[in-house]
Amino acid sequence: MHTSPLDQPGLGDSGGLNVYVRELAASMATQGIDCDVYVRRTSREVPEVVELGPGVNVIQIEAGPYGLEKSDLPAVLDAWTRGVATCVAERPVEAFHAHYWLSGVVGHQLKHEFDRPLAVTFHTLGRIKNIAGELESENRIRSEELVIGCADAVFASGSVEADQLTSLYGIARDRIEILTPGVDQTLFKPGEQNSARKSLGLVEAPTLLFVGRIQEFKGLDVAIEALSLSANNDVRLVVVGGLSGNRGTETYLDIRRRIERCGLEERILFVDPQPHQLLPTYYQAADACLVPSRSESFGLVALEAAACGLPVIASNVGGLRDNVVDGVTGLLVNERDPAEFAAAIDNLLEHQELRRLMGRRGVERASLNSWGLGASNAIDVFQRLISRELVSCA
């Protein structure tokens, strides 16, 4: 409800979820399962129905003013539910897959209205964000509990998220299905570093990469502080991403002040969010990718980096523990401490062979994560759900 696979990841509320929905739906369609993706309309310029690819339609549903912030969307949930229900009545479906808690609330209502199974992928969990310091409303927590209590399946990206769902929400493990995100390995693959740097106009120097929205949750401040503490005074940081949320401008200004205070103006380059097909060049140009998030259900950036042969330095939180193998494909840092991130950066920059080894191992590990496999798993889950009795509300 709060974003669309048509939107540019890295800007506003668009991120890994957009890539997830687009790639999973497209891969399911190639395996014979048509997918209708319902989104809230945010502009008159977008057609009501956009064919994302063969068998995948993105359908715009009118619900409230176009310029609403994500925090305002609960007020138009009922309107969006009615709009989706009208479309489903005209074009029946066999099952619902809701993404994020807002769509989960809608999916819960549609499940009962149409007597169809509901699977949910939350992407982030309110209780985890609260633990990480990003305070979420009680309405979100209660809504997640209600949806989890009635969902026929809850998709988790890995064992860490599954454990969180069990320990924090009390969901039975047999109602959790693991659906690991994938990466397009025809697009995200190793490349020649010097050529990548030349094509991007980057100086020939040790280069770190941060890909993500500029918001407190993603930890760009930690990356900047780590850069200032690094023993390597030549290392550069490339930031690919845009402002996000109603505090985006404030966060960006704080980042700028931090950069000036650390004297890093000449060593940090900001780049606007890039189309997905252009991102591999940035990964290929770097020496390491920084993912200092407060929490991640998976961390798609880390997987994309690994597929390009780039070692990852990430926070030891959430799904990043599943995604980054410490000492093998990258380094996990405890407590999001800038000094520890700086030490990890210096370790990799000083040891070229270690970087290369981690890069090769990352490519090998990333090869196990394909959207085709994820789609096959999802289809298998839905086939089981439509053949059995629906879960009743707890």
Protein backbone atom coordinates (compact mmCIF):
# COMPACT_ATOMS: atom_id res chain seq x y z
CA MET A 1 0.00 0.00 0.00
CA HIS A 2 2.76 2.47 0.87
CA THR A 3 4.94 2.07 -2.24
CA SER A 4 5.06 0.49 -5.68
CA PRO A 5 7.39 -1.75 -7.69
CA LEU A 6 7.23 1.03 -10.31
CA ASP A 7 8.99 3.45 -7.93
CA GLN A 8 12.73 4.11 -7.88
CA PRO A 9 14.39 2.24 -4.97
CA GLY A 10 16.47 4.40 -2.68
CA LEU A 11 14.12 7.37 -2.70
CA GLY A 12 11.24 8.18 -0.33
CA ASP A 13 9.71 4.95 0.97
CA SER A 14 11.11 2.87 -1.89
CA GLY A 15 13.75 0.28 -1.12
CA GLY A 16 14.39 -3.43 -1.05
CA LEU A 17 10.68 -4.17 -0.71
CA ASN A 18 10.08 -2.70 -4.18
CA VAL A 19 12.76 -4.92 -5.69
CA TYR A 20 11.42 -7.93 -3.77
CA VAL A 21 7.86 -7.54 -5.06
CA ARG A 22 8.90 -6.81 -8.63
CA GLU A 23 11.37 -9.68 -8.94
CA LEU A 24 9.28 -12.25 -7.07
CA ALA A 25 6.15 -11.48 -9.12
CA ALA A 26 8.08 -11.58 -12.39
CA SER A 27 9.69 -14.91 -11.49
CA MET A 28 6.35 -16.40 -10.44
CA ALA A 29 4.87 -15.27 -13.75
CA THR A 30 7.62 -17.01 -15.72
CA GLN A 31 6.58 -20.19 -13.88
CA GLY A 32 2.96 -19.82 -14.96
CA ILE A 33 1.44 -17.89 -12.05
CA ASP A 34 -0.12 -14.54 -12.99
CA CYS A 35 0.29 -11.81 -10.36
CA ASP A 36 -1.77 -8.67 -9.81
CA VAL A 37 0.08 -6.14 -7.66
CA TYR A 38 -2.20 -3.59 -5.97
CA VAL A 39 -0.68 -0.23 -4.97
CA ARG A 40 -2.10 3.05 -3.72
CA ARG A 41 -2.28 5.63 -6.47
CA THR A 42 -0.01 8.63 -5.77
CA SER A 43 -0.23 10.45 -9.12
CA ARG A 44 -2.73 11.05 -11.90
CA GLU A 45 0.09 10.53 -14.40
CA VAL A 46 0.35 6.78 -13.81
CA PRO A 47 -2.12 4.63 -15.80
CA GLU A 48 -4.62 2.63 -13.80
CA VAL A 49 -3.03 -0.63 -14.95
CA VAL A 50 0.66 -0.97 -15.84
CA GLU A 51 1.97 -4.23 -17.27
CA LEU A 52 5.24 -4.74 -15.42
CA GLY A 53 5.96 -7.76 -17.57
CA PRO A 54 4.18 -10.79 -19.03
CA GLY A 55 1.69 -12.00 -16.42
CA VAL A 56 2.34 -9.14 -13.95
CA ASN A 57 -0.01 -6.15 -13.67
CA VAL A 58 0.46 -3.21 -11.29
CA ILE A 59 -3.00 -1.83 -10.47
CA GLN A 60 -3.45 1.66 -9.03
CA ILE A 61 -6.12 2.01 -6.32
CA GLU A 62 -7.48 5.44 -5.39
CA ALA A 63 -7.40 6.00 -1.62
CA GLY A 64 -7.01 9.47 -0.17
CA PRO A 65 -4.96 12.47 -1.35
CA TYR A 66 -1.87 11.75 -3.43
CA GLY A 67 0.63 13.51 -1.17
CA LEU A 68 0.09 11.53 2.03
CA GLU A 69 3.05 10.58 4.22
CA LYS A 70 3.37 6.93 5.22
CA SER A 71 2.33 7.85 8.77
CA ASP A 72 -0.98 9.19 7.39
CA LEU A 73 -1.91 6.00 5.53
CA PRO A 74 -3.76 4.19 8.35
CA ALA A 75 -6.54 6.77 7.90
CA VAL A 76 -7.22 5.55 4.34
CA LEU A 77 -6.88 1.80 4.92
CA ASP A 78 -10.61 1.22 4.59
CA ALA A 79 -10.82 3.16 1.33
CA TRP A 80 -7.90 1.20 -0.13
CA THR A 81 -9.43 -2.09 1.05
CA ARG A 82 -12.69 -1.28 -0.73
CA GLY A 83 -10.82 -0.39 -3.91
CA VAL A 84 -8.85 -3.62 -3.94
CA ALA A 85 -11.98 -5.63 -3.11
CA THR A 86 -13.78 -4.14 -6.11
CA CYS A 87 -10.94 -5.22 -8.40
CA VAL A 88 -10.75 -8.71 -6.89
CA ALA A 89 -14.49 -9.17 -7.31
CA GLU A 90 -14.05 -8.46 -11.03
CA ARG A 91 -10.84 -10.47 -11.41
CA PRO A 92 -10.82 -13.28 -8.79
CA VAL A 93 -7.63 -14.51 -7.18
CA GLU A 94 -6.65 -17.79 -5.53
CA ALA A 95 -4.56 -16.29 -2.72
CA PHE A 96 -3.33 -13.01 -1.25
CA HIS A 97 0.28 -12.06 -0.49
CA ALA A 98 0.53 -8.89 1.63
CA HIS A 99 3.75 -6.90 1.99
CA TYR A 100 4.42 -4.70 5.06
CA TRP A 101 2.03 -4.30 7.98
CA LEU A 102 -0.33 -1.80 6.30
CA SER A 103 -1.04 -4.18 3.43
CA GLY A 104 -1.26 -6.98 5.99
CA VAL A 105 -4.22 -5.24 7.63
CA VAL A 106 -5.93 -4.99 4.24
CA GLY A 107 -5.05 -8.58 3.33
CA HIS A 108 -6.59 -9.76 6.60
CA GLN A 109 -9.92 -8.14 5.70
CA LEU A 110 -9.81 -9.44 2.13
CA LYS A 111 -9.06 -12.96 3.34
CA HIS A 112 -12.36 -13.05 5.22
CA GLU A 113 -14.33 -11.28 2.52
CA PHE A 114 -13.23 -13.62 -0.28
CA ASP A 115 -12.42 -16.76 1.75
CA ARG A 116 -8.93 -16.99 0.29
CA PRO A 117 -5.64 -17.81 2.06
CA LEU A 118 -3.36 -14.98 3.15
CA ALA A 119 0.43 -15.00 3.33
CA VAL A 120 2.33 -12.02 4.72
CA THR A 121 5.86 -10.72 4.36
CA PHE A 122 6.42 -7.93 6.87
CA HIS A 123 9.88 -6.81 5.65
CA THR A 124 10.27 -4.92 8.95
CA LEU A 125 8.68 -5.64 12.33
CA GLY A 126 7.44 -2.96 14.71
CA ARG A 127 8.85 -4.61 17.81
CA ILE A 128 12.28 -5.00 16.22
CA LYS A 129 12.30 -1.35 15.20
CA ASN A 130 11.37 -0.37 18.76
CA ILE A 131 14.29 -2.41 20.08
CA ALA A 132 16.54 -0.65 17.56
CA GLY A 133 15.36 2.77 18.71
CA GLU A 134 12.93 3.54 15.88
CA LEU A 135 9.75 3.95 17.92
CA GLU A 136 6.65 2.56 16.23
CA SER A 137 3.02 3.13 17.20
CA GLU A 138 0.99 0.78 19.35
CA ASN A 139 -1.46 0.64 16.45
CA ARG A 140 1.23 -0.96 14.28
CA ILE A 141 2.15 -3.50 16.97
CA ARG A 142 -1.48 -4.48 17.58
CA SER A 143 -2.12 -4.70 13.85
CA GLU A 144 0.88 -6.98 13.33
CA GLU A 145 -0.33 -9.23 16.14
CA LEU A 146 -3.82 -9.40 14.62
CA VAL A 147 -2.53 -10.19 11.12
CA ILE A 148 -0.07 -12.80 12.41
CA GLY A 149 -2.86 -14.44 14.40
CA CYS A 150 -4.93 -15.04 11.26
CA ALA A 151 -2.36 -15.33 8.44
CA ASP A 152 -2.22 -18.75 6.83
CA ALA A 153 1.53 -18.34 6.39
CA VAL A 154 4.12 -15.74 7.39
CA PHE A 155 7.17 -15.50 5.16
CA ALA A 156 10.54 -14.86 6.85
CA SER A 157 13.73 -14.09 4.95
CA GLY A 158 15.83 -16.43 7.08
CA SER A 159 16.28 -18.14 10.43
CA VAL A 160 16.96 -14.90 12.33
CA GLU A 161 13.67 -13.29 11.28
CA ALA A 162 11.85 -16.57 11.95
CA ASP A 163 13.26 -16.59 15.48
CA GLN A 164 12.14 -12.97 15.96
CA LEU A 165 8.62 -13.79 14.84
CA THR A 166 8.48 -16.70 17.28
CA SER A 167 10.02 -14.96 20.29
CA LEU A 168 8.40 -11.53 19.91
CA TYR A 169 5.01 -12.43 18.42
CA GLY A 170 4.45 -15.99 19.61
CA ILE A 171 3.77 -17.42 16.17
CA ALA A 172 4.10 -21.20 15.85
CA ARG A 173 7.16 -22.15 13.83
CA ASP A 174 5.11 -24.40 11.52
CA ARG A 175 3.23 -21.31 10.26
CA ILE A 176 6.49 -19.61 9.26
CA GLU A 177 7.82 -20.22 5.76
CA ILE A 178 11.37 -19.27 4.78
CA LEU A 179 11.46 -17.28 1.55
CA THR A 180 14.97 -15.98 0.99
CA PRO A 181 15.22 -12.99 -1.36
CA GLY A 182 17.22 -13.50 -4.52
CA VAL A 183 19.53 -11.56 -6.79
CA ASP A 184 19.60 -11.33 -10.58
CA GLN A 185 23.01 -12.84 -11.29
CA THR A 186 22.87 -11.89 -14.97
CA LEU A 187 22.91 -8.27 -13.76
CA PHE A 188 24.76 -8.36 -10.45
CA LYS A 189 28.10 -10.01 -11.16
CA PRO A 190 31.82 -9.26 -10.77
CA GLY A 191 33.39 -6.72 -13.09
CA GLU A 192 36.73 -5.04 -13.72
CA GLN A 193 37.23 -2.43 -10.99
CA ASN A 194 39.27 0.12 -12.94
CA SER A 195 36.81 0.10 -15.83
CA ALA A 196 33.90 0.58 -13.43
CA ARG A 197 35.62 3.52 -11.74
CA LYS A 198 36.42 5.17 -15.06
CA SER A 199 32.85 4.80 -16.29
CA LEU A 200 31.58 6.47 -13.08
CA GLY A 201 34.24 9.18 -13.11
CA LEU A 202 35.64 8.11 -9.72
CA VAL A 203 39.17 8.94 -8.63
CA GLU A 204 41.64 6.10 -8.32
CA ALA A 205 41.60 5.60 -4.54
CA PRO A 206 40.34 3.07 -1.98
CA THR A 207 36.56 3.26 -2.23
CA LEU A 208 33.76 2.33 0.13
CA LEU A 209 30.13 2.12 -0.94
CA PHE A 210 26.88 2.84 0.91
CA VAL A 211 23.62 2.06 -0.93
CA GLY A 212 20.36 2.97 0.77
CA ARG A 213 17.94 5.65 1.78
CA ILE A 214 19.27 8.56 3.80
CA GLN A 215 17.44 7.93 7.05
CA GLU A 216 18.59 7.32 10.62
CA PHE A 217 17.58 3.67 10.41
CA LYS A 218 20.18 2.91 7.70
CA GLY A 219 23.14 4.24 9.67
CA LEU A 220 24.90 6.55 7.22
CA ASP A 221 26.09 8.54 10.25
CA VAL A 222 27.99 5.46 11.46
CA ALA A 223 29.64 5.06 8.04
CA ILE A 224 30.78 8.70 8.08
CA GLU A 225 32.17 8.50 11.61
CA ALA A 226 33.98 5.28 10.68
CA LEU A 227 35.51 7.00 7.65
CA SER A 228 36.80 9.78 9.88
CA LEU A 229 38.41 7.21 12.23
CA SER A 230 40.02 5.13 9.49
CA ALA A 231 43.82 5.09 9.46
CA ASN A 232 43.67 5.36 5.65
CA ASN A 233 43.37 9.06 4.78
CA ASP A 234 42.91 8.33 1.08
CA VAL A 235 39.76 6.21 1.36
CA ARG A 236 36.61 7.63 -0.25
CA LEU A 237 32.93 6.93 0.44
CA VAL A 238 30.31 6.87 -2.31
CA VAL A 239 26.71 7.24 -1.08
CA VAL A 240 23.99 6.10 -3.50
CA GLY A 241 20.55 7.02 -2.18
CA GLY A 242 18.00 9.75 -1.57
CA LEU A 243 16.00 11.34 1.22
CA SER A 244 13.41 9.20 2.98
CA GLY A 245 10.50 9.84 5.34
CA ASN A 246 9.25 13.01 6.95
CA ARG A 247 12.63 13.49 8.68
CA GLY A 248 14.66 12.96 5.52
CA THR A 249 15.74 16.58 5.09
CA GLU A 250 16.62 16.88 8.77
CA THR A 251 18.69 13.69 8.61
CA TYR A 252 20.49 14.87 5.48
CA LEU A 253 21.37 18.24 7.05
CA ASP A 254 22.67 16.45 10.13
CA ILE A 255 24.80 14.23 7.87
CA ARG A 256 26.18 17.29 6.10
CA ARG A 257 27.09 18.94 9.41
CA ARG A 258 28.79 15.74 10.51
CA ILE A 259 30.80 15.62 7.29
CA GLU A 260 31.96 19.22 7.74
CA ARG A 261 32.86 18.65 11.39
CA CYS A 262 35.00 15.65 10.40
CA GLY A 263 36.59 17.50 7.47
CA LEU A 264 35.43 14.90 4.95
CA GLU A 265 33.89 17.15 2.28
CA GLU A 266 36.42 16.06 -0.36
CA ARG A 267 36.19 12.36 0.49
CA ILE A 268 32.42 11.70 0.28
CA LEU A 269 30.42 11.67 -2.93
CA PHE A 270 26.61 11.70 -2.93
CA VAL A 271 24.89 10.09 -5.92
CA ASP A 272 21.15 10.13 -6.64
CA PRO A 273 19.28 6.79 -6.44
CA GLN A 274 20.16 4.71 -9.48
CA PRO A 275 18.03 2.46 -11.68
CA HIS A 276 18.57 -1.16 -10.71
CA GLN A 277 20.45 -1.97 -13.91
CA LEU A 278 23.08 0.71 -13.17
CA LEU A 279 23.81 -0.30 -9.57
CA PRO A 280 26.22 -3.18 -10.40
CA THR A 281 28.80 -0.71 -11.73
CA TYR A 282 28.92 1.00 -8.34
CA TYR A 283 29.44 -2.30 -6.55
CA GLN A 284 32.14 -3.29 -9.05
CA ALA A 285 33.97 0.02 -8.53
CA ALA A 286 34.24 -0.31 -4.74
CA ASP A 287 36.58 -2.13 -2.38
CA ALA A 288 33.97 -2.83 0.30
CA CYS A 289 30.26 -2.20 0.93
CA LEU A 290 29.08 -0.73 4.25
CA VAL A 291 25.71 -1.77 5.71
CA PRO A 292 25.58 -0.18 9.21
CA SER A 293 21.80 -0.50 9.63
CA ARG A 294 20.10 -0.55 13.03
CA SER A 295 18.17 -3.62 11.90
CA GLU A 296 17.41 -5.48 8.67
CA SER A 297 15.05 -8.36 8.01
CA PHE A 298 17.48 -9.44 5.29
CA GLY A 299 19.53 -6.63 3.72
CA LEU A 300 19.25 -6.98 -0.06
CA VAL A 301 22.14 -4.56 -0.61
CA ALA A 302 24.50 -7.00 1.10
CA LEU A 303 23.42 -9.80 -1.24
CA GLU A 304 23.77 -7.61 -4.35
CA ALA A 305 27.26 -6.56 -3.22
CA ALA A 306 28.29 -10.18 -2.64
CA ALA A 307 27.01 -11.18 -6.08
CA CYS A 308 29.32 -8.52 -7.55
CA GLY A 309 32.30 -9.92 -5.66
CA LEU A 310 32.37 -7.12 -3.08
CA PRO A 311 33.04 -7.93 0.60
CA VAL A 312 30.49 -6.49 3.02
CA ILE A 313 31.06 -4.80 6.38
CA ALA A 314 27.71 -4.89 8.17
CA SER A 315 26.05 -4.48 11.54
CA ASN A 316 25.67 -7.74 13.41
CA VAL A 317 21.88 -7.44 13.49
CA GLY A 318 18.77 -9.13 12.10
CA GLY A 319 18.90 -10.86 8.76
CA LEU A 320 22.40 -9.55 8.08
CA ARG A 321 23.54 -12.41 10.31
CA ASP A 322 22.04 -14.83 7.78
CA ASN A 323 23.18 -12.82 4.79
CA VAL A 324 26.82 -12.00 5.64
CA VAL A 325 29.05 -14.87 6.75
CA ASP A 326 31.47 -13.27 9.22
CA GLY A 327 35.07 -13.78 8.17
CA VAL A 328 33.99 -15.55 4.97
CA THR A 329 32.02 -13.15 2.76
CA GLY A 330 32.53 -10.07 4.91
CA LEU A 331 32.76 -8.79 8.46
CA LEU A 332 30.00 -8.34 11.04
CA VAL A 333 30.42 -5.49 13.53
CA ASN A 334 28.85 -5.48 16.99
CA GLU A 335 27.07 -2.50 18.54
CA ARG A 336 27.30 -0.40 15.36
CA ASP A 337 30.43 1.18 16.86
CA PRO A 338 32.17 3.56 14.36
CA ALA A 339 35.55 2.61 15.80
CA GLU A 340 34.88 -1.07 15.14
CA PHE A 341 33.64 -0.27 11.63
CA ALA A 342 36.83 1.74 11.05
CA ALA A 343 38.95 -1.20 12.24
CA ALA A 344 37.08 -3.53 9.88
CA ILE A 345 37.55 -1.08 7.00
CA ASP A 346 41.29 -0.80 7.66
CA ASN A 347 41.59 -4.58 7.94
CA LEU A 348 40.09 -5.15 4.50
CA LEU A 349 41.89 -2.24 2.83
CA GLU A 350 45.23 -3.45 4.15
CA HIS A 351 44.73 -7.02 2.96
CA GLN A 352 43.93 -7.16 -0.74
CA GLU A 353 44.03 -10.94 -0.93
CA LEU A 354 41.51 -11.19 1.93
CA ARG A 355 39.17 -8.84 0.04
CA ARG A 356 39.50 -10.91 -3.09
CA LEU A 357 38.92 -14.17 -1.23
CA MET A 358 35.83 -12.80 0.50
CA GLY A 359 34.64 -11.48 -2.85
CA ARG A 360 34.93 -14.90 -4.50
CA ARG A 361 33.21 -16.60 -1.59
CA GLY A 362 30.46 -13.97 -1.69
CA VAL A 363 29.80 -14.71 -5.36
CA GLU A 364 29.59 -18.43 -4.58
CA ARG A 365 27.15 -17.85 -1.73
CA ALA A 366 25.03 -15.37 -3.67
CA SER A 367 24.65 -17.95 -6.45
CA LEU A 368 22.48 -19.96 -4.04
CA ASN A 369 19.93 -17.12 -3.85
CA SER A 370 17.90 -16.74 -7.03
CA TRP A 371 14.49 -15.21 -7.54
CA GLY A 372 13.54 -18.28 -9.56
CA LEU A 373 14.12 -20.50 -6.53
CA GLY A 374 12.25 -18.03 -4.30
CA ALA A 375 9.32 -18.05 -6.72
CA SER A 376 9.24 -21.85 -6.78
CA ASN A 377 9.15 -21.92 -2.98
CA ALA A 378 6.40 -19.30 -2.86
CA ILE A 379 4.30 -21.17 -5.42
CA ASP A 380 4.70 -24.39 -3.43
CA VAL A 381 3.51 -22.60 -0.28
CA PHE A 382 0.48 -21.10 -1.99
CA GLN A 383 -0.49 -24.42 -3.57
CA ARG A 384 -0.50 -25.97 -0.10
CA LEU A 385 -2.49 -23.08 1.36
CA ILE A 386 -5.29 -23.20 -1.21
CA SER A 387 -5.74 -26.95 -0.67
CA ARG A 388 -6.29 -26.84 3.10
CA GLU A 389 -8.60 -25.22 5.63
CA LEU A 390 -7.88 -21.57 6.36
CA VAL A 391 -6.44 -20.47 9.68
CA SER A 392 -9.10 -18.89 11.92
CA CYS A 393 -8.53 -15.64 13.77
CA ALA A 394 -6.78 -16.16 17.09
